[in-house]
Amino acid sequence: MAKFSFKKGDTVEIIAGDDKGTKAEVIAVMPKKNKVIVQGCKIAKKAVKPTEENPKGGFVNKEMPIDVSNVRKVEA
């Protein structure tokens, strides 16, 4: 397995996709899947069932994983 060059807290720039050009912080890293989750990028609307914490249920905006090939590390 190749060395993974990203870690939580790194600043990255999205180089492909809808959020191209966006600079943000890495929230989570998934080296086995070769993906990262970037704060505020690739937002998806997910349906949520009612629970005790959220009695109404409804929709939640959630960041989805982005492939590592679509992200570039930015030196801060």
PDB file of N, CA and C in Angstrom:
ATOM      1  N   MET A   1       0.842  -1.180   0.000  1.00  0.00           N
ATOM      2  CA  MET A   1       0.000   0.000   0.000  1.00  0.00           C
ATOM      3  C   MET A   1       0.889   1.246   0.000  1.00  0.00           C
ATOM      4  N   ALA A   2       0.536   2.213  -0.824  1.00  0.00           N
ATOM      5  CA  ALA A   2       1.312   3.445  -0.924  1.00  0.00           C
ATOM      6  C   ALA A   2       1.128   4.298   0.325  1.00  0.00           C
ATOM      7  N   LYS A   3       2.105   5.143   0.600  1.00  0.00           N
ATOM      8  CA  LYS A   3       2.015   6.038   1.753  1.00  0.00           C
ATOM      9  C   LYS A   3       0.937   7.090   1.514  1.00  0.00           C
ATOM     10  N   PHE A   4       0.148   7.338   2.555  1.00  0.00           N
ATOM     11  CA  PHE A   4      -0.946   8.302   2.473  1.00  0.00           C
ATOM     12  C   PHE A   4      -0.425   9.645   2.951  1.00  0.00           C
ATOM     13  N   SER A   5      -0.534  10.693   2.135  1.00  0.00           N
ATOM     14  CA  SER A   5       0.110  11.969   2.450  1.00  0.00           C
ATOM     15  C   SER A   5      -0.795  12.973   3.163  1.00  0.00           C
ATOM     16  N   PHE A   6      -2.039  12.606   3.454  1.00  0.00           N
ATOM     17  CA  PHE A   6      -2.952  13.534   4.114  1.00  0.00           C
ATOM     18  C   PHE A   6      -3.219  13.079   5.541  1.00  0.00           C
ATOM     19  N   LYS A   7      -3.430  14.066   6.418  1.00  0.00           N
ATOM     20  CA  LYS A   7      -3.863  13.740   7.771  1.00  0.00           C
ATOM     21  C   LYS A   7      -4.877  14.777   8.226  1.00  0.00           C
ATOM     22  N   LYS A   8      -5.590  14.451   9.278  1.00  0.00           N
ATOM     23  CA  LYS A   8      -6.642  15.324   9.804  1.00  0.00           C
ATOM     24  C   LYS A   8      -6.049  16.678  10.180  1.00  0.00           C
ATOM     25  N   GLY A   9      -6.716  17.751   9.747  1.00  0.00           N
ATOM     26  CA  GLY A   9      -6.253  19.094  10.062  1.00  0.00           C
ATOM     27  C   GLY A   9      -5.450  19.750   8.953  1.00  0.00           C
ATOM     28  N   ASP A  10      -5.024  18.991   7.938  1.00  0.00           N
ATOM     29  CA  ASP A  10      -4.281  19.571   6.809  1.00  0.00           C
ATOM     30  C   ASP A  10      -5.188  20.492   5.995  1.00  0.00           C
ATOM     31  N   THR A  11      -4.608  21.514   5.400  1.00  0.00           N
ATOM     32  CA  THR A  11      -5.342  22.385   4.486  1.00  0.00           C
ATOM     33  C   THR A  11      -5.132  21.858   3.072  1.00  0.00           C
ATOM     34  N   VAL A  12      -6.234  21.665   2.348  1.00  0.00           N
ATOM     35  CA  VAL A  12      -6.158  21.124   0.995  1.00  0.00           C
ATOM     36  C   VAL A  12      -6.968  21.993   0.037  1.00  0.00           C
ATOM     37  N   GLU A  13      -6.688  21.827  -1.252  1.00  0.00           N
ATOM     38  CA  GLU A  13      -7.440  22.511  -2.305  1.00  0.00           C
ATOM     39  C   GLU A  13      -8.079  21.442  -3.183  1.00  0.00           C
ATOM     40  N   ILE A  14      -9.361  21.616  -3.501  1.00  0.00           N
ATOM     41  CA  ILE A  14     -10.071  20.688  -4.378  1.00  0.00           C
ATOM     42  C   ILE A  14      -9.672  21.033  -5.814  1.00  0.00           C
ATOM     43  N   ILE A  15      -9.182  20.042  -6.581  1.00  0.00           N
ATOM     44  CA  ILE A  15      -8.709  20.311  -7.940  1.00  0.00           C
ATOM     45  C   ILE A  15      -9.630  19.747  -9.014  1.00  0.00           C
ATOM     46  N   ALA A  16     -10.721  19.073  -8.616  1.00  0.00           N
ATOM     47  CA  ALA A  16     -11.673  18.546  -9.594  1.00  0.00           C
ATOM     48  C   ALA A  16     -13.050  18.455  -8.959  1.00  0.00           C
ATOM     49  N   GLY A  17     -14.085  18.545  -9.783  1.00  0.00           N
ATOM     50  CA  GLY A  17     -15.450  18.409  -9.294  1.00  0.00           C
ATOM     51  C   GLY A  17     -16.151  19.743  -9.099  1.00  0.00           C
ATOM     52  N   ASP A  18     -17.326  19.688  -8.480  1.00  0.00           N
ATOM     53  CA  ASP A  18     -18.160  20.884  -8.294  1.00  0.00           C
ATOM     54  C   ASP A  18     -17.507  21.934  -7.408  1.00  0.00           C
ATOM     55  N   ASP A  19     -16.710  21.515  -6.439  1.00  0.00           N
ATOM     56  CA  ASP A  19     -16.084  22.443  -5.495  1.00  0.00           C
ATOM     57  C   ASP A  19     -14.659  22.815  -5.897  1.00  0.00           C
ATOM     58  N   LYS A  20     -14.333  22.701  -7.184  1.00  0.00           N
ATOM     59  CA  LYS A  20     -12.988  22.987  -7.687  1.00  0.00           C
ATOM     60  C   LYS A  20     -12.526  24.378  -7.266  1.00  0.00           C
ATOM     61  N   GLY A  21     -11.293  24.450  -6.747  1.00  0.00           N
ATOM     62  CA  GLY A  21     -10.725  25.718  -6.328  1.00  0.00           C
ATOM     63  C   GLY A  21     -10.945  26.041  -4.856  1.00  0.00           C
ATOM     64  N   THR A  22     -11.758  25.267  -4.173  1.00  0.00           N
ATOM     65  CA  THR A  22     -12.052  25.515  -2.764  1.00  0.00           C
ATOM     66  C   THR A  22     -10.893  25.054  -1.891  1.00  0.00           C
ATOM     67  N   LYS A  23     -10.495  25.899  -0.938  1.00  0.00           N
ATOM     68  CA  LYS A  23      -9.468  25.526   0.031  1.00  0.00           C
ATOM     69  C   LYS A  23     -10.144  25.336   1.376  1.00  0.00           C
ATOM     70  N   ALA A  24      -9.914  24.173   2.013  1.00  0.00           N
ATOM     71  CA  ALA A  24     -10.550  23.875   3.290  1.00  0.00           C
ATOM     72  C   ALA A  24      -9.723  22.849   4.052  1.00  0.00           C
ATOM     73  N   GLU A  25     -10.199  22.541   5.256  1.00  0.00           N
ATOM     74  CA  GLU A  25      -9.482  21.644   6.169  1.00  0.00           C
ATOM     75  C   GLU A  25     -10.010  20.214   6.059  1.00  0.00           C
ATOM     76  N   VAL A  26      -9.108  19.234   6.202  1.00  0.00           N
ATOM     77  CA  VAL A  26      -9.492  17.826   6.190  1.00  0.00           C
ATOM     78  C   VAL A  26     -10.105  17.472   7.538  1.00  0.00           C
ATOM     79  N   ILE A  27     -11.315  16.888   7.511  1.00  0.00           N
ATOM     80  CA  ILE A  27     -12.009  16.481   8.732  1.00  0.00           C
ATOM     81  C   ILE A  27     -11.678  15.040   9.089  1.00  0.00           C
ATOM     82  N   ALA A  28     -11.656  14.163   8.072  1.00  0.00           N
ATOM     83  CA  ALA A  28     -11.410  12.746   8.309  1.00  0.00           C
ATOM     84  C   ALA A  28     -10.639  12.155   7.135  1.00  0.00           C
ATOM     85  N   VAL A  29      -9.881  11.101   7.428  1.00  0.00           N
ATOM     86  CA  VAL A  29      -9.071  10.420   6.416  1.00  0.00           C
ATOM     87  C   VAL A  29      -9.444   8.944   6.397  1.00  0.00           C
ATOM     88  N   MET A  30      -9.624   8.395   5.188  1.00  0.00           N
ATOM     89  CA  MET A  30      -9.945   6.972   5.031  1.00  0.00           C
ATOM     90  C   MET A  30      -8.908   6.329   4.105  1.00  0.00           C
ATOM     91  N   PRO A  31      -7.735   5.939   4.644  1.00  0.00           N
ATOM     92  CA  PRO A  31      -6.659   5.435   3.790  1.00  0.00           C
ATOM     93  C   PRO A  31      -6.992   4.131   3.060  1.00  0.00           C
ATOM     94  N   LYS A  32      -7.793   3.265   3.642  1.00  0.00           N
ATOM     95  CA  LYS A  32      -8.136   2.005   2.973  1.00  0.00           C
ATOM     96  C   LYS A  32      -9.018   2.234   1.754  1.00  0.00           C
ATOM     97  N   LYS A  33      -9.866   3.262   1.809  1.00  0.00           N
ATOM     98  CA  LYS A  33     -10.734   3.599   0.674  1.00  0.00           C
ATOM     99  C   LYS A  33     -10.113   4.647  -0.227  1.00  0.00           C
ATOM    100  N   ASN A  34      -8.959   5.206   0.183  1.00  0.00           N
ATOM    101  CA  ASN A  34      -8.260   6.238  -0.583  1.00  0.00           C
ATOM    102  C   ASN A  34      -9.104   7.510  -0.721  1.00  0.00           C
ATOM    103  N   LYS A  35      -9.782   7.906   0.366  1.00  0.00           N
ATOM    104  CA  LYS A  35     -10.659   9.073   0.342  1.00  0.00           C
ATOM    105  C   LYS A  35     -10.427   9.951   1.567  1.00  0.00           C
ATOM    106  N   VAL A  36     -10.819  11.219   1.441  1.00  0.00           N
ATOM    107  CA  VAL A  36     -10.777  12.164   2.554  1.00  0.00           C
ATOM    108  C   VAL A  36     -12.111  12.905   2.608  1.00  0.00           C
ATOM    109  N   ILE A  37     -12.453  13.404   3.795  1.00  0.00           N
ATOM    110  CA  ILE A  37     -13.637  14.241   3.948  1.00  0.00           C
ATOM    111  C   ILE A  37     -13.142  15.646   4.251  1.00  0.00           C
ATOM    112  N   VAL A  38     -13.561  16.601   3.414  1.00  0.00           N
ATOM    113  CA  VAL A  38     -13.112  17.987   3.522  1.00  0.00           C
ATOM    114  C   VAL A  38     -14.266  18.844   4.015  1.00  0.00           C
ATOM    115  N   GLN A  39     -13.978  19.730   4.954  1.00  0.00           N
ATOM    116  CA  GLN A  39     -14.995  20.576   5.582  1.00  0.00           C
ATOM    117  C   GLN A  39     -15.670  21.484   4.568  1.00  0.00           C
ATOM    118  N   GLY A  40     -16.997  21.382   4.472  1.00  0.00           N
ATOM    119  CA  GLY A  40     -17.780  22.261   3.616  1.00  0.00           C
ATOM    120  C   GLY A  40     -17.776  21.912   2.139  1.00  0.00           C
ATOM    121  N   CYS A  41     -17.200  20.782   1.755  1.00  0.00           N
ATOM    122  CA  CYS A  41     -17.140  20.392   0.344  1.00  0.00           C
ATOM    123  C   CYS A  41     -17.921  19.096   0.103  1.00  0.00           C
ATOM    124  N   LYS A  42     -18.475  18.986  -1.087  1.00  0.00           N
ATOM    125  CA  LYS A  42     -19.269  17.832  -1.512  1.00  0.00           C
ATOM    126  C   LYS A  42     -20.389  17.555  -0.505  1.00  0.00           C
ATOM    127  N   ILE A  43     -21.226  18.544  -0.306  1.00  0.00           N
ATOM    128  CA  ILE A  43     -22.343  18.451   0.635  1.00  0.00           C
ATOM    129  C   ILE A  43     -23.484  17.666  -0.010  1.00  0.00           C
ATOM    130  N   ALA A  44     -24.036  16.702   0.740  1.00  0.00           N
ATOM    131  CA  ALA A  44     -25.190  15.927   0.282  1.00  0.00           C
ATOM    132  C   ALA A  44     -26.302  16.074   1.310  1.00  0.00           C
ATOM    133  N   LYS A  45     -27.521  16.062   0.843  1.00  0.00           N
ATOM    134  CA  LYS A  45     -28.684  16.151   1.732  1.00  0.00           C
ATOM    135  C   LYS A  45     -29.118  14.722   2.048  1.00  0.00           C
ATOM    136  N   LYS A  46     -29.057  14.329   3.334  1.00  0.00           N
ATOM    137  CA  LYS A  46     -29.384  12.971   3.756  1.00  0.00           C
ATOM    138  C   LYS A  46     -30.669  12.976   4.570  1.00  0.00           C
ATOM    139  N   ALA A  47     -31.527  11.991   4.335  1.00  0.00           N
ATOM    140  CA  ALA A  47     -32.755  11.844   5.112  1.00  0.00           C
ATOM    141  C   ALA A  47     -32.414  11.224   6.464  1.00  0.00           C
ATOM    142  N   VAL A  48     -33.037  11.723   7.538  1.00  0.00           N
ATOM    143  CA  VAL A  48     -32.780  11.238   8.889  1.00  0.00           C
ATOM    144  C   VAL A  48     -34.106  10.839   9.533  1.00  0.00           C
ATOM    145  N   LYS A  49     -34.124   9.626  10.109  1.00  0.00           N
ATOM    146  CA  LYS A  49     -35.323   9.163  10.802  1.00  0.00           C
ATOM    147  C   LYS A  49     -35.460   9.873  12.143  1.00  0.00           C
ATOM    148  N   PRO A  50     -36.668   9.995  12.639  1.00  0.00           N
ATOM    149  CA  PRO A  50     -36.852  10.610  13.959  1.00  0.00           C
ATOM    150  C   PRO A  50     -36.172   9.790  15.064  1.00  0.00           C
ATOM    151  N   THR A  51     -35.485  10.484  15.983  1.00  0.00           N
ATOM    152  CA  THR A  51     -34.852   9.859  17.134  1.00  0.00           C
ATOM    153  C   THR A  51     -35.169  10.694  18.360  1.00  0.00           C
ATOM    154  N   GLU A  52     -34.658  10.272  19.515  1.00  0.00           N
ATOM    155  CA  GLU A  52     -34.884  11.068  20.725  1.00  0.00           C
ATOM    156  C   GLU A  52     -34.219  12.435  20.625  1.00  0.00           C
ATOM    157  N   GLU A  53     -33.000  12.488  20.041  1.00  0.00           N
ATOM    158  CA  GLU A  53     -32.299  13.762  19.896  1.00  0.00           C
ATOM    159  C   GLU A  53     -32.958  14.652  18.849  1.00  0.00           C
ATOM    160  N   ASN A  54     -33.510  14.028  17.808  1.00  0.00           N
ATOM    161  CA  ASN A  54     -34.126  14.767  16.708  1.00  0.00           C
ATOM    162  C   ASN A  54     -35.536  14.206  16.481  1.00  0.00           C
ATOM    163  N   PRO A  55     -36.534  14.602  17.290  1.00  0.00           N
ATOM    164  CA  PRO A  55     -37.861  13.991  17.222  1.00  0.00           C
ATOM    165  C   PRO A  55     -38.599  14.202  15.899  1.00  0.00           C
ATOM    166  N   LYS A  56     -38.266  15.261  15.165  1.00  0.00           N
ATOM    167  CA  LYS A  56     -38.949  15.510  13.892  1.00  0.00           C
ATOM    168  C   LYS A  56     -38.339  14.743  12.725  1.00  0.00           C
ATOM    169  N   GLY A  57     -37.057  14.360  12.823  1.00  0.00           N
ATOM    170  CA  GLY A  57     -36.409  13.738  11.672  1.00  0.00           C
ATOM    171  C   GLY A  57     -36.115  14.794  10.627  1.00  0.00           C
ATOM    172  N   GLY A  58     -36.240  14.438   9.358  1.00  0.00           N
ATOM    173  CA  GLY A  58     -36.058  15.422   8.289  1.00  0.00           C
ATOM    174  C   GLY A  58     -34.794  15.202   7.500  1.00  0.00           C
ATOM    175  N   PHE A  59     -34.153  16.289   7.083  1.00  0.00           N
ATOM    176  CA  PHE A  59     -32.964  16.229   6.247  1.00  0.00           C
ATOM    177  C   PHE A  59     -31.781  16.888   6.943  1.00  0.00           C
ATOM    178  N   VAL A  60     -30.575  16.338   6.688  1.00  0.00           N
ATOM    179  CA  VAL A  60     -29.339  16.859   7.259  1.00  0.00           C
ATOM    180  C   VAL A  60     -28.337  17.039   6.125  1.00  0.00           C
ATOM    181  N   ASN A  61     -27.627  18.167   6.107  1.00  0.00           N
ATOM    182  CA  ASN A  61     -26.551  18.366   5.140  1.00  0.00           C
ATOM    183  C   ASN A  61     -25.288  17.726   5.690  1.00  0.00           C
ATOM    184  N   LYS A  62     -24.628  16.872   4.882  1.00  0.00           N
ATOM    185  CA  LYS A  62     -23.488  16.097   5.350  1.00  0.00           C
ATOM    186  C   LYS A  62     -22.381  16.128   4.307  1.00  0.00           C
ATOM    187  N   GLU A  63     -21.120  16.242   4.776  1.00  0.00           N
ATOM    188  CA  GLU A  63     -19.989  16.189   3.863  1.00  0.00           C
ATOM    189  C   GLU A  63     -19.732  14.738   3.459  1.00  0.00           C
ATOM    190  N   MET A  64     -19.504  14.511   2.178  1.00  0.00           N
ATOM    191  CA  MET A  64     -19.250  13.164   1.667  1.00  0.00           C
ATOM    192  C   MET A  64     -17.764  13.030   1.309  1.00  0.00           C
ATOM    193  N   PRO A  65     -17.262  11.785   1.256  1.00  0.00           N
ATOM    194  CA  PRO A  65     -15.843  11.566   0.943  1.00  0.00           C
ATOM    195  C   PRO A  65     -15.473  11.990  -0.477  1.00  0.00           C
ATOM    196  N   ILE A  66     -14.239  12.464  -0.631  1.00  0.00           N
ATOM    197  CA  ILE A  66     -13.687  12.865  -1.928  1.00  0.00           C
ATOM    198  C   ILE A  66     -12.453  12.002  -2.177  1.00  0.00           C
ATOM    199  N   ASP A  67     -12.278  11.534  -3.398  1.00  0.00           N
ATOM    200  CA  ASP A  67     -11.103  10.729  -3.726  1.00  0.00           C
ATOM    201  C   ASP A  67      -9.836  11.572  -3.596  1.00  0.00           C
ATOM    202  N   VAL A  68      -8.764  10.923  -3.163  1.00  0.00           N
ATOM    203  CA  VAL A  68      -7.493  11.615  -2.918  1.00  0.00           C
ATOM    204  C   VAL A  68      -6.935  12.237  -4.196  1.00  0.00           C
ATOM    205  N   SER A  69      -7.221  11.644  -5.337  1.00  0.00           N
ATOM    206  CA  SER A  69      -6.695  12.172  -6.601  1.00  0.00           C
ATOM    207  C   SER A  69      -7.295  13.525  -6.960  1.00  0.00           C
ATOM    208  N   ASN A  70      -8.401  13.903  -6.313  1.00  0.00           N
ATOM    209  CA  ASN A  70      -9.064  15.169  -6.594  1.00  0.00           C
ATOM    210  C   ASN A  70      -8.698  16.266  -5.595  1.00  0.00           C
ATOM    211  N   VAL A  71      -7.684  15.995  -4.742  1.00  0.00           N
ATOM    212  CA  VAL A  71      -7.313  16.941  -3.696  1.00  0.00           C
ATOM    213  C   VAL A  71      -5.802  17.172  -3.743  1.00  0.00           C
ATOM    214  N   ARG A  72      -5.401  18.419  -3.466  1.00  0.00           N
ATOM    215  CA  ARG A  72      -3.973  18.764  -3.429  1.00  0.00           C
ATOM    216  C   ARG A  72      -3.672  19.468  -2.114  1.00  0.00           C
ATOM    217  N   LYS A  73      -2.591  19.060  -1.472  1.00  0.00           N
ATOM    218  CA  LYS A  73      -2.180  19.670  -0.198  1.00  0.00           C
ATOM    219  C   LYS A  73      -1.693  21.080  -0.445  1.00  0.00           C
ATOM    220  N   VAL A  74      -2.109  22.027   0.427  1.00  0.00           N
ATOM    221  CA  VAL A  74      -1.698  23.420   0.321  1.00  0.00           C
ATOM    222  C   VAL A  74      -0.837  23.751   1.523  1.00  0.00           C
ATOM    223  N   GLU A  75       0.317  24.340   1.270  1.00  0.00           N
ATOM    224  CA  GLU A  75       1.195  24.744   2.361  1.00  0.00           C
ATOM    225  C   GLU A  75       0.645  26.035   2.966  1.00  0.00           C
ATOM    226  N   ALA A  76       0.357  26.003   4.254  1.00  0.00           N
ATOM    227  CA  ALA A  76      -0.235  27.170   4.907  1.00  0.00           C
ATOM    228  C   ALA A  76       0.799  28.138   5.393  1.00  0.00           C
TER     229      ALA A  76
END
